[in-house]
C-alpha cells in the first residue's frame, strides 16, 4: 500500500486531495458492552431521559432539554469539558426504539460530527446486555473544519478520539450499571423477595 496513504490515514485532508480522488472520508467507530442486572425497559428508560446523560457520560457535565421522553428529532444541548475548555454541543435524538436501542447525533454548525448510541438486549433473569457505541460521521471538507475546531477546543487530534471515546463508553456503562443496580431498577434474582 502507498506509504502516503498509510501515514495520512487518520488526518483529514483540507486542501490536499487524496491520491484516490476527492477528499478522504473516514469512518471510525467504537463499541463496548456490559451486562447489567436490570430489565431492558428499565435500562432504556434511564438512557432515553437525555436530561440525565450527564449522570452517565463523562463527556457531559450538564445537559439542557425540555422534559419528556427521548423521541426521534428531540433536540438537546450538552455541555462538555475537556481539560480547562468548555464547549456546547447541539444534539438530536436519531433513534428511539423503546426497550432495544437509543441513539443521538451531534452536529457542529449543521455539519454531522458523530453519533452515540446504546443497544439493549435481554439476557434472562432480569439482566440486560448494553452495548454502547460511537461513530464518527465526519468526512471530506467537514472533517477538516471540525478537526481544526477540535484542536482549538481540546488540544487533541482526531486520532486520539477513538481511545478517549472508548474510555468514555466504558465509564458510561460503569456508571449506568451502578445506578441501575443500586436504585432497585433491576429485576434480577437479587432484587426479588
N, C-alpha and C. Protein backbone atom coordinates (compact mmCIF):
# COMPACT_ATOMS: atom_id res chain seq x y z
N UNK A 1 0.85 -1.18 0.00
CA UNK A 1 0.00 0.00 0.00
C UNK A 1 0.89 1.25 0.00
N UNK A 2 0.44 2.31 -0.60
CA UNK A 2 1.19 3.55 -0.70
C UNK A 2 1.47 4.13 0.69
N UNK A 3 2.72 4.46 0.98
CA UNK A 3 3.11 4.96 2.29
C UNK A 3 2.40 6.26 2.64
N UNK A 4 2.19 7.14 1.66
CA UNK A 4 1.47 8.40 1.90
C UNK A 4 0.07 8.14 2.44
N UNK A 5 -0.63 7.15 1.88
CA UNK A 5 -1.98 6.85 2.33
C UNK A 5 -1.97 6.29 3.74
N UNK A 6 -0.97 5.49 4.09
CA UNK A 6 -0.87 4.96 5.44
C UNK A 6 -0.56 6.06 6.44
N UNK A 7 0.38 6.91 6.13
CA UNK A 7 0.82 7.94 7.05
C UNK A 7 -0.29 8.96 7.33
N UNK A 8 -1.08 9.29 6.33
CA UNK A 8 -2.09 10.33 6.48
C UNK A 8 -3.50 9.76 6.65
N UNK A 9 -3.62 8.48 6.92
CA UNK A 9 -4.93 7.86 7.02
C UNK A 9 -5.81 8.48 8.10
N UNK A 10 -5.23 8.90 9.23
CA UNK A 10 -6.01 9.44 10.33
C UNK A 10 -6.08 10.96 10.33
N UNK A 11 -5.54 11.60 9.32
CA UNK A 11 -5.55 13.06 9.27
C UNK A 11 -6.45 13.52 8.15
N UNK A 12 -7.48 14.35 8.47
CA UNK A 12 -8.35 14.81 7.38
C UNK A 12 -7.59 15.70 6.42
N UNK A 13 -7.86 15.54 5.14
CA UNK A 13 -7.21 16.35 4.12
C UNK A 13 -8.00 17.63 3.93
N UNK A 14 -7.35 18.77 4.04
CA UNK A 14 -8.04 20.04 3.90
C UNK A 14 -8.03 20.49 2.45
N UNK A 15 -6.87 20.82 1.95
CA UNK A 15 -6.81 21.27 0.57
C UNK A 15 -6.02 20.29 -0.28
N UNK A 16 -5.46 19.31 0.34
CA UNK A 16 -4.62 18.34 -0.35
C UNK A 16 -5.47 17.14 -0.74
N UNK A 17 -5.81 16.97 -2.01
CA UNK A 17 -6.64 15.83 -2.41
C UNK A 17 -5.92 14.51 -2.22
N UNK A 18 -6.68 13.49 -1.86
CA UNK A 18 -6.11 12.15 -1.71
C UNK A 18 -5.77 11.61 -3.09
N UNK A 19 -4.87 10.64 -3.13
CA UNK A 19 -4.45 10.07 -4.41
C UNK A 19 -5.59 9.34 -5.11
N UNK A 20 -6.59 8.91 -4.35
CA UNK A 20 -7.69 8.19 -4.97
C UNK A 20 -8.85 9.12 -5.31
N UNK A 21 -8.58 10.41 -5.32
CA UNK A 21 -9.57 11.38 -5.76
C UNK A 21 -10.41 11.95 -4.64
N UNK A 22 -10.74 13.24 -4.75
CA UNK A 22 -11.59 13.89 -3.77
C UNK A 22 -10.94 14.02 -2.41
N UNK A 23 -11.76 14.19 -1.42
CA UNK A 23 -11.29 14.31 -0.05
C UNK A 23 -11.47 12.98 0.66
N UNK A 24 -10.58 12.70 1.58
CA UNK A 24 -10.63 11.44 2.30
C UNK A 24 -11.83 11.42 3.23
N UNK A 25 -12.57 10.35 3.18
CA UNK A 25 -13.64 10.12 4.14
C UNK A 25 -13.13 9.10 5.13
N UNK A 26 -13.49 9.29 6.38
CA UNK A 26 -13.10 8.32 7.38
C UNK A 26 -14.33 7.91 8.15
N UNK A 27 -14.38 6.68 8.52
CA UNK A 27 -15.49 6.17 9.31
C UNK A 27 -14.89 5.40 10.47
N UNK A 28 -14.93 6.01 11.63
CA UNK A 28 -14.41 5.36 12.82
C UNK A 28 -15.58 4.99 13.71
N UNK A 29 -15.45 3.91 14.42
CA UNK A 29 -16.47 3.55 15.40
C UNK A 29 -15.84 2.73 16.51
N UNK A 30 -16.50 2.77 17.66
CA UNK A 30 -16.03 2.06 18.84
C UNK A 30 -17.27 1.48 19.52
N UNK A 31 -17.15 0.28 20.07
CA UNK A 31 -18.23 -0.34 20.82
C UNK A 31 -17.68 -0.94 22.11
N UNK A 32 -18.48 -0.88 23.16
CA UNK A 32 -18.18 -1.52 24.43
C UNK A 32 -19.47 -2.10 24.98
N UNK A 33 -19.40 -3.26 25.62
CA UNK A 33 -20.60 -3.89 26.17
C UNK A 33 -20.43 -4.23 27.63
N UNK A 34 -21.56 -4.28 28.35
CA UNK A 34 -21.55 -4.64 29.76
C UNK A 34 -22.91 -5.23 30.12
N UNK A 35 -22.89 -6.26 30.94
CA UNK A 35 -24.14 -6.85 31.44
C UNK A 35 -24.57 -6.09 32.68
N UNK A 36 -25.88 -5.80 32.75
CA UNK A 36 -26.44 -5.03 33.86
C UNK A 36 -27.62 -5.81 34.44
N UNK A 37 -27.69 -5.86 35.78
CA UNK A 37 -28.81 -6.53 36.45
C UNK A 37 -30.01 -5.60 36.49
N UNK A 38 -30.63 -5.44 35.36
CA UNK A 38 -31.85 -4.64 35.23
C UNK A 38 -32.51 -5.06 33.93
N UNK A 39 -33.84 -5.00 33.89
CA UNK A 39 -34.51 -5.42 32.66
C UNK A 39 -34.36 -4.35 31.59
N UNK A 40 -34.60 -4.73 30.34
CA UNK A 40 -34.35 -3.85 29.21
C UNK A 40 -35.17 -2.57 29.27
N UNK A 41 -36.41 -2.65 29.74
CA UNK A 41 -37.23 -1.43 29.79
C UNK A 41 -36.70 -0.44 30.82
N UNK A 42 -36.18 -0.94 31.94
CA UNK A 42 -35.62 -0.04 32.96
C UNK A 42 -34.35 0.64 32.45
N UNK A 43 -33.50 -0.12 31.77
CA UNK A 43 -32.27 0.43 31.22
C UNK A 43 -32.60 1.45 30.14
N UNK A 44 -33.53 1.11 29.27
CA UNK A 44 -33.92 2.04 28.20
C UNK A 44 -34.46 3.34 28.80
N UNK A 45 -35.29 3.23 29.81
CA UNK A 45 -35.87 4.41 30.45
C UNK A 45 -34.78 5.34 30.99
N UNK A 46 -33.74 4.77 31.58
CA UNK A 46 -32.63 5.59 32.08
C UNK A 46 -31.89 6.29 30.94
N UNK A 47 -31.62 5.55 29.87
CA UNK A 47 -30.86 6.11 28.76
C UNK A 47 -31.65 7.14 27.95
N UNK A 48 -32.96 6.92 27.80
CA UNK A 48 -33.78 7.79 26.95
C UNK A 48 -34.11 9.12 27.62
N UNK A 49 -33.84 9.26 28.91
CA UNK A 49 -34.04 10.55 29.57
C UNK A 49 -32.77 11.36 29.35
N UNK A 50 -32.72 12.10 28.25
CA UNK A 50 -31.50 12.80 27.85
C UNK A 50 -31.04 13.82 28.89
N UNK A 51 -31.95 14.30 29.73
CA UNK A 51 -31.56 15.25 30.77
C UNK A 51 -30.61 14.61 31.79
N UNK A 52 -30.58 13.29 31.82
CA UNK A 52 -29.71 12.59 32.78
C UNK A 52 -28.41 12.09 32.16
N UNK A 53 -28.16 12.41 30.90
CA UNK A 53 -26.93 11.94 30.24
C UNK A 53 -25.68 12.36 31.01
N UNK A 54 -25.72 13.50 31.64
CA UNK A 54 -24.54 13.95 32.39
C UNK A 54 -24.27 13.06 33.61
N UNK A 55 -25.26 12.29 34.05
CA UNK A 55 -25.05 11.34 35.16
C UNK A 55 -24.21 10.15 34.70
N UNK A 56 -24.42 9.74 33.43
CA UNK A 56 -23.73 8.55 32.93
C UNK A 56 -22.45 8.90 32.18
N UNK A 57 -22.54 9.88 31.33
CA UNK A 57 -21.44 10.17 30.41
C UNK A 57 -20.40 11.10 31.00
N UNK A 58 -19.13 10.69 31.01
CA UNK A 58 -18.08 11.61 31.48
C UNK A 58 -17.85 12.75 30.49
N UNK A 59 -18.39 12.63 29.27
CA UNK A 59 -18.24 13.67 28.27
C UNK A 59 -19.10 14.90 28.55
N UNK A 60 -20.25 14.71 29.19
CA UNK A 60 -21.14 15.82 29.50
C UNK A 60 -21.05 16.16 30.99
N UNK A 61 -21.00 17.45 31.30
CA UNK A 61 -21.15 17.81 32.71
C UNK A 61 -22.50 18.45 32.95
N UNK A 62 -23.24 18.79 31.89
CA UNK A 62 -24.60 19.31 32.00
C UNK A 62 -25.32 19.09 30.69
N UNK A 63 -26.65 18.95 30.79
CA UNK A 63 -27.49 18.77 29.61
C UNK A 63 -28.74 19.62 29.81
N UNK A 64 -29.15 20.30 28.74
CA UNK A 64 -30.40 21.03 28.78
C UNK A 64 -31.33 20.46 27.73
N UNK A 65 -32.51 20.07 28.19
CA UNK A 65 -33.53 19.55 27.27
C UNK A 65 -34.89 19.79 27.91
N UNK A 66 -35.88 19.91 27.09
CA UNK A 66 -37.24 20.01 27.60
C UNK A 66 -37.62 18.67 28.22
N UNK A 67 -38.47 18.69 29.26
CA UNK A 67 -38.91 17.43 29.85
C UNK A 67 -39.64 16.56 28.83
N UNK A 68 -39.65 15.28 29.11
CA UNK A 68 -40.35 14.35 28.23
C UNK A 68 -39.42 13.26 27.75
N UNK A 69 -40.00 12.23 27.20
CA UNK A 69 -39.19 11.09 26.76
C UNK A 69 -38.30 11.44 25.57
N UNK A 70 -37.21 10.70 25.46
CA UNK A 70 -36.33 10.87 24.31
C UNK A 70 -37.01 10.27 23.09
N UNK A 71 -37.41 11.10 22.18
CA UNK A 71 -38.08 10.64 20.97
C UNK A 71 -37.28 11.14 19.77
N UNK A 72 -37.45 10.52 18.65
CA UNK A 72 -36.73 10.92 17.45
C UNK A 72 -37.00 12.40 17.16
N UNK A 73 -35.95 13.10 16.80
CA UNK A 73 -35.93 14.53 16.49
C UNK A 73 -35.93 15.44 17.73
N UNK A 74 -35.96 14.88 18.93
CA UNK A 74 -35.86 15.72 20.13
C UNK A 74 -34.45 16.30 20.17
N UNK A 75 -34.38 17.60 20.35
CA UNK A 75 -33.08 18.28 20.39
C UNK A 75 -32.71 18.60 21.84
N UNK A 76 -31.40 18.58 22.08
CA UNK A 76 -30.92 18.97 23.40
C UNK A 76 -29.50 19.51 23.28
N UNK A 77 -29.09 20.23 24.29
CA UNK A 77 -27.74 20.80 24.32
C UNK A 77 -26.94 20.10 25.40
N UNK A 78 -25.71 19.78 25.09
CA UNK A 78 -24.82 19.16 26.07
C UNK A 78 -23.59 20.01 26.26
N UNK A 79 -23.23 20.22 27.52
CA UNK A 79 -22.01 20.96 27.83
C UNK A 79 -20.91 19.95 28.13
N UNK A 80 -19.79 20.14 27.45
CA UNK A 80 -18.64 19.25 27.61
C UNK A 80 -17.46 20.01 28.16
N UNK A 81 -16.63 19.30 28.90
CA UNK A 81 -15.39 19.88 29.40
C UNK A 81 -14.26 18.92 29.12
N UNK A 82 -13.26 19.41 28.44
CA UNK A 82 -12.03 18.67 28.20
C UNK A 82 -10.90 19.58 28.65
N UNK A 83 -10.12 19.11 29.56
CA UNK A 83 -9.06 19.93 30.16
C UNK A 83 -9.74 21.14 30.79
N UNK A 84 -9.31 22.33 30.46
CA UNK A 84 -9.90 23.54 31.03
C UNK A 84 -10.95 24.18 30.12
N UNK A 85 -11.14 23.62 28.96
CA UNK A 85 -12.05 24.22 27.99
C UNK A 85 -13.44 23.63 28.07
N UNK A 86 -14.44 24.49 27.89
CA UNK A 86 -15.84 24.09 27.91
C UNK A 86 -16.43 24.34 26.53
N UNK A 87 -17.21 23.41 26.03
CA UNK A 87 -17.87 23.59 24.74
C UNK A 87 -19.32 23.14 24.84
N UNK A 88 -20.12 23.61 23.92
CA UNK A 88 -21.53 23.30 23.86
C UNK A 88 -21.77 22.47 22.60
N UNK A 89 -22.52 21.36 22.74
CA UNK A 89 -22.81 20.53 21.58
C UNK A 89 -24.31 20.54 21.29
N UNK A 90 -24.64 20.56 20.02
CA UNK A 90 -26.01 20.52 19.56
C UNK A 90 -26.33 19.07 19.23
N UNK A 91 -27.27 18.48 19.96
CA UNK A 91 -27.57 17.06 19.81
C UNK A 91 -29.02 16.85 19.41
N UNK A 92 -29.28 15.72 18.76
CA UNK A 92 -30.64 15.37 18.35
C UNK A 92 -30.81 13.86 18.44
N UNK A 93 -31.91 13.44 19.05
CA UNK A 93 -32.20 12.01 19.14
C UNK A 93 -32.44 11.49 17.72
N UNK A 94 -31.68 10.49 17.32
CA UNK A 94 -31.79 9.96 15.96
C UNK A 94 -32.44 8.58 15.91
N UNK A 95 -32.50 7.89 17.05
CA UNK A 95 -33.12 6.57 17.11
C UNK A 95 -33.68 6.35 18.50
N UNK A 96 -34.96 6.03 18.58
CA UNK A 96 -35.60 5.78 19.87
C UNK A 96 -36.53 4.59 19.70
N UNK A 97 -36.01 3.41 19.99
CA UNK A 97 -36.78 2.18 19.87
C UNK A 97 -36.90 1.58 21.28
N UNK A 98 -38.01 1.90 21.99
CA UNK A 98 -38.14 1.51 23.40
C UNK A 98 -37.80 0.05 23.65
N UNK A 99 -36.94 -0.13 24.64
CA UNK A 99 -36.54 -1.47 25.04
C UNK A 99 -35.46 -2.12 24.20
N UNK A 100 -34.99 -1.43 23.12
CA UNK A 100 -33.96 -2.09 22.32
C UNK A 100 -32.81 -1.18 21.90
N UNK A 101 -33.06 0.08 21.52
CA UNK A 101 -31.95 0.93 21.09
C UNK A 101 -32.30 2.41 21.22
N UNK A 102 -31.29 3.18 21.61
CA UNK A 102 -31.44 4.63 21.73
C UNK A 102 -30.15 5.26 21.22
N UNK A 103 -30.26 6.31 20.38
CA UNK A 103 -29.07 6.96 19.84
C UNK A 103 -29.34 8.45 19.62
N UNK A 104 -28.26 9.23 19.67
CA UNK A 104 -28.37 10.64 19.35
C UNK A 104 -27.17 11.07 18.52
N UNK A 105 -27.40 12.06 17.67
CA UNK A 105 -26.33 12.56 16.81
C UNK A 105 -25.90 13.93 17.29
N UNK A 106 -24.66 14.27 16.97
CA UNK A 106 -24.08 15.55 17.35
C UNK A 106 -23.69 16.28 16.07
N UNK A 107 -24.01 17.57 16.02
CA UNK A 107 -23.68 18.38 14.84
C UNK A 107 -22.87 19.60 15.28
N UNK A 108 -22.08 20.10 14.36
CA UNK A 108 -21.28 21.29 14.57
C UNK A 108 -21.61 22.27 13.46
N UNK A 109 -22.29 23.35 13.78
CA UNK A 109 -22.74 24.33 12.79
C UNK A 109 -23.43 23.65 11.61
N UNK A 110 -24.29 22.69 11.92
CA UNK A 110 -25.05 21.99 10.90
C UNK A 110 -24.34 20.84 10.22
N UNK A 111 -23.07 20.65 10.50
CA UNK A 111 -22.31 19.54 9.90
C UNK A 111 -22.37 18.33 10.82
N UNK A 112 -22.65 17.14 10.29
CA UNK A 112 -22.69 15.94 11.14
C UNK A 112 -21.30 15.64 11.69
N UNK A 113 -21.25 15.34 12.98
CA UNK A 113 -19.97 15.07 13.64
C UNK A 113 -19.88 13.62 14.08
N UNK A 114 -20.86 13.18 14.88
CA UNK A 114 -20.78 11.84 15.45
C UNK A 114 -22.14 11.37 15.91
N UNK A 115 -22.24 10.09 16.17
CA UNK A 115 -23.45 9.51 16.74
C UNK A 115 -23.04 8.64 17.93
N UNK A 116 -23.81 8.74 19.01
CA UNK A 116 -23.62 7.96 20.22
C UNK A 116 -24.90 7.15 20.41
N UNK A 117 -24.77 5.89 20.78
CA UNK A 117 -25.97 5.09 20.96
C UNK A 117 -25.78 3.91 21.88
N UNK A 118 -26.91 3.27 22.17
CA UNK A 118 -26.95 2.15 23.10
C UNK A 118 -27.92 1.11 22.57
N UNK A 119 -27.45 -0.13 22.40
CA UNK A 119 -28.29 -1.26 22.05
C UNK A 119 -28.49 -2.09 23.32
N UNK A 120 -29.72 -2.49 23.56
CA UNK A 120 -30.05 -3.22 24.79
C UNK A 120 -30.71 -4.54 24.41
N UNK A 121 -30.24 -5.62 24.99
CA UNK A 121 -30.86 -6.92 24.73
C UNK A 121 -31.02 -7.68 26.04
N UNK A 122 -32.09 -8.45 26.13
CA UNK A 122 -32.39 -9.23 27.33
C UNK A 122 -31.42 -10.41 27.43
N UNK A 123 -30.96 -10.68 28.64
CA UNK A 123 -30.05 -11.80 28.89
C UNK A 123 -30.70 -12.87 29.77
N UNK A 124 -31.96 -12.68 30.17
CA UNK A 124 -32.63 -13.64 31.04
C UNK A 124 -32.42 -13.25 32.50
N UNK A 125 -33.32 -13.73 33.36
CA UNK A 125 -33.27 -13.45 34.80
C UNK A 125 -33.20 -11.95 35.10
N UNK A 126 -33.87 -11.15 34.29
CA UNK A 126 -33.92 -9.71 34.57
C UNK A 126 -32.63 -8.97 34.25
N UNK A 127 -31.77 -9.58 33.47
CA UNK A 127 -30.49 -8.94 33.11
C UNK A 127 -30.55 -8.43 31.68
N UNK A 128 -29.72 -7.42 31.41
CA UNK A 128 -29.62 -6.85 30.08
C UNK A 128 -28.17 -6.75 29.67
N UNK A 129 -27.94 -6.91 28.38
CA UNK A 129 -26.63 -6.63 27.82
C UNK A 129 -26.76 -5.28 27.12
N UNK A 130 -25.95 -4.33 27.54
CA UNK A 130 -25.98 -2.99 26.95
C UNK A 130 -24.69 -2.80 26.16
N UNK A 131 -24.84 -2.48 24.89
CA UNK A 131 -23.70 -2.19 24.03
C UNK A 131 -23.75 -0.71 23.68
N UNK A 132 -22.76 0.03 24.17
CA UNK A 132 -22.66 1.46 23.88
C UNK A 132 -21.75 1.60 22.66
N UNK A 133 -22.11 2.53 21.77
CA UNK A 133 -21.30 2.70 20.58
C UNK A 133 -21.16 4.18 20.21
N UNK A 134 -20.10 4.46 19.48
CA UNK A 134 -19.82 5.79 18.96
C UNK A 134 -19.33 5.63 17.52
N UNK A 135 -19.81 6.49 16.63
CA UNK A 135 -19.35 6.50 15.25
C UNK A 135 -19.05 7.93 14.83
N UNK A 136 -17.92 8.11 14.21
CA UNK A 136 -17.52 9.42 13.68
C UNK A 136 -18.16 9.58 12.31
N UNK A 137 -18.88 10.66 12.11
CA UNK A 137 -19.59 10.89 10.85
C UNK A 137 -18.88 11.89 9.95
N UNK A 138 -17.77 12.44 10.41
CA UNK A 138 -17.08 13.47 9.62
C UNK A 138 -16.39 12.86 8.42
N UNK A 139 -16.37 13.61 7.37
CA UNK A 139 -15.68 13.21 6.16
C UNK A 139 -15.54 14.40 5.24
N UNK A 140 -14.61 14.33 4.33
CA UNK A 140 -14.44 15.41 3.36
C UNK A 140 -14.13 16.75 3.99
N UNK A 141 -14.72 17.78 3.48
CA UNK A 141 -14.45 19.13 3.96
C UNK A 141 -14.89 19.35 5.40
N UNK A 142 -15.98 18.71 5.81
CA UNK A 142 -16.44 18.89 7.19
C UNK A 142 -15.44 18.30 8.18
N UNK A 143 -14.69 17.27 7.76
CA UNK A 143 -13.68 16.69 8.64
C UNK A 143 -12.59 17.71 8.93
N UNK A 144 -12.22 18.47 7.93
CA UNK A 144 -11.17 19.48 8.10
C UNK A 144 -11.63 20.56 9.07
N UNK A 145 -12.83 21.08 8.87
CA UNK A 145 -13.35 22.14 9.73
C UNK A 145 -13.50 21.67 11.17
N UNK A 146 -14.11 20.50 11.36
CA UNK A 146 -14.31 20.02 12.73
C UNK A 146 -13.00 19.61 13.39
N UNK A 147 -12.02 19.15 12.62
CA UNK A 147 -10.71 18.82 13.18
C UNK A 147 -10.03 20.06 13.74
N UNK A 148 -10.07 21.13 13.00
CA UNK A 148 -9.46 22.38 13.48
C UNK A 148 -10.18 22.89 14.72
N UNK A 149 -11.49 22.78 14.73
CA UNK A 149 -12.27 23.20 15.89
C UNK A 149 -11.91 22.33 17.10
N UNK A 150 -11.79 21.02 16.90
CA UNK A 150 -11.46 20.10 17.99
C UNK A 150 -10.09 20.43 18.59
N UNK A 151 -9.12 20.68 17.74
CA UNK A 151 -7.78 21.01 18.23
C UNK A 151 -7.82 22.30 19.04
N UNK A 152 -8.57 23.30 18.55
CA UNK A 152 -8.67 24.57 19.27
C UNK A 152 -9.33 24.39 20.63
N UNK A 153 -10.36 23.54 20.71
CA UNK A 153 -11.09 23.37 21.97
C UNK A 153 -10.43 22.39 22.93
N UNK A 154 -9.90 21.31 22.41
CA UNK A 154 -9.43 20.24 23.29
C UNK A 154 -7.93 20.02 23.26
N UNK A 155 -7.29 20.49 22.22
CA UNK A 155 -5.86 20.25 22.10
C UNK A 155 -5.53 18.85 21.63
N UNK A 156 -6.55 18.03 21.31
CA UNK A 156 -6.28 16.66 20.87
C UNK A 156 -6.68 16.47 19.41
N UNK A 157 -5.91 15.67 18.72
CA UNK A 157 -6.20 15.36 17.32
C UNK A 157 -7.21 14.21 17.25
N UNK A 158 -7.82 14.08 16.11
CA UNK A 158 -8.85 13.06 15.91
C UNK A 158 -8.34 11.64 16.12
N UNK A 159 -7.09 11.39 15.84
CA UNK A 159 -6.54 10.05 16.02
C UNK A 159 -6.68 9.55 17.44
N UNK A 160 -6.75 10.45 18.40
CA UNK A 160 -6.91 10.07 19.80
C UNK A 160 -8.37 9.87 20.18
N UNK A 161 -9.30 10.32 19.33
CA UNK A 161 -10.72 10.27 19.66
C UNK A 161 -11.18 8.85 19.95
N UNK A 162 -10.74 7.89 19.17
CA UNK A 162 -11.18 6.51 19.41
C UNK A 162 -10.79 6.05 20.80
N UNK A 163 -9.56 6.34 21.22
CA UNK A 163 -9.11 5.93 22.54
C UNK A 163 -9.90 6.63 23.64
N UNK A 164 -10.05 7.93 23.50
CA UNK A 164 -10.79 8.71 24.51
C UNK A 164 -12.24 8.26 24.56
N UNK A 165 -12.86 8.07 23.40
CA UNK A 165 -14.26 7.68 23.37
C UNK A 165 -14.48 6.26 23.87
N UNK A 166 -13.52 5.37 23.65
CA UNK A 166 -13.62 4.02 24.21
C UNK A 166 -13.61 4.10 25.75
N UNK A 167 -12.74 4.92 26.30
CA UNK A 167 -12.70 5.11 27.76
C UNK A 167 -14.02 5.71 28.25
N UNK A 168 -14.55 6.69 27.51
CA UNK A 168 -15.82 7.31 27.89
C UNK A 168 -16.97 6.30 27.85
N UNK A 169 -16.99 5.43 26.83
CA UNK A 169 -18.04 4.42 26.76
C UNK A 169 -17.96 3.45 27.94
N UNK A 170 -16.76 3.04 28.29
CA UNK A 170 -16.59 2.14 29.43
C UNK A 170 -17.07 2.79 30.72
N UNK A 171 -16.69 4.05 30.90
CA UNK A 171 -17.10 4.77 32.12
C UNK A 171 -18.61 5.00 32.13
N UNK A 172 -19.20 5.31 30.99
CA UNK A 172 -20.65 5.48 30.90
C UNK A 172 -21.37 4.21 31.31
N UNK A 173 -20.93 3.07 30.79
CA UNK A 173 -21.55 1.79 31.13
C UNK A 173 -21.36 1.46 32.61
N UNK A 174 -20.20 1.76 33.14
CA UNK A 174 -19.94 1.50 34.57
C UNK A 174 -20.90 2.32 35.44
N UNK A 175 -21.04 3.61 35.12
CA UNK A 175 -21.94 4.48 35.89
C UNK A 175 -23.40 4.05 35.75
N UNK A 176 -23.79 3.70 34.54
CA UNK A 176 -25.16 3.25 34.29
C UNK A 176 -25.45 1.98 35.09
N UNK A 177 -24.52 1.06 35.08
CA UNK A 177 -24.66 -0.20 35.82
C UNK A 177 -24.80 0.07 37.32
N UNK A 178 -23.94 0.91 37.86
CA UNK A 178 -24.01 1.24 39.29
C UNK A 178 -25.37 1.82 39.65
N UNK A 179 -25.85 2.74 38.85
CA UNK A 179 -27.13 3.37 39.14
C UNK A 179 -28.29 2.39 38.99
N UNK A 180 -28.32 1.67 37.88
CA UNK A 180 -29.43 0.75 37.62
C UNK A 180 -29.51 -0.34 38.68
N UNK A 181 -28.36 -0.84 39.11
CA UNK A 181 -28.36 -1.94 40.07
C UNK A 181 -28.56 -1.47 41.51
N UNK A 182 -28.15 -0.24 41.81
CA UNK A 182 -28.30 0.24 43.19
C UNK A 182 -29.64 0.95 43.43
N UNK A 183 -30.31 1.36 42.37
CA UNK A 183 -31.56 2.10 42.54
C UNK A 183 -32.78 1.20 42.63
N UNK A 184 -32.58 -0.10 42.52
CA UNK A 184 -33.70 -1.01 42.57
C UNK A 184 -34.43 -1.11 41.24
N UNK A 185 -33.86 -0.52 40.18
CA UNK A 185 -34.49 -0.61 38.87
C UNK A 185 -34.28 -2.00 38.28
N UNK A 186 -33.28 -2.67 38.77
CA UNK A 186 -33.03 -4.01 38.24
C UNK A 186 -34.09 -4.97 38.73
N UNK A 187 -34.31 -6.02 37.99
CA UNK A 187 -35.28 -7.02 38.42
C UNK A 187 -34.64 -8.40 38.40
N UNK A 188 -33.31 -8.43 38.57
CA UNK A 188 -32.60 -9.70 38.61
C UNK A 188 -32.90 -10.46 39.89
N UNK A 189 -32.34 -11.64 40.04
CA UNK A 189 -32.61 -12.51 41.17
C UNK A 189 -32.39 -11.83 42.52
N UNK A 190 -31.34 -10.97 42.64
CA UNK A 190 -31.04 -10.36 43.94
C UNK A 190 -32.07 -9.30 44.32
N UNK A 191 -32.92 -8.87 43.40
CA UNK A 191 -33.90 -7.83 43.68
C UNK A 191 -35.26 -8.41 44.08
N UNK A 192 -35.44 -9.71 43.92
CA UNK A 192 -36.74 -10.31 44.20
C UNK A 192 -36.84 -10.75 45.65
N UNK A 193 -38.06 -10.65 46.23
CA UNK A 193 -38.23 -11.08 47.63
C UNK A 193 -38.11 -12.57 47.78
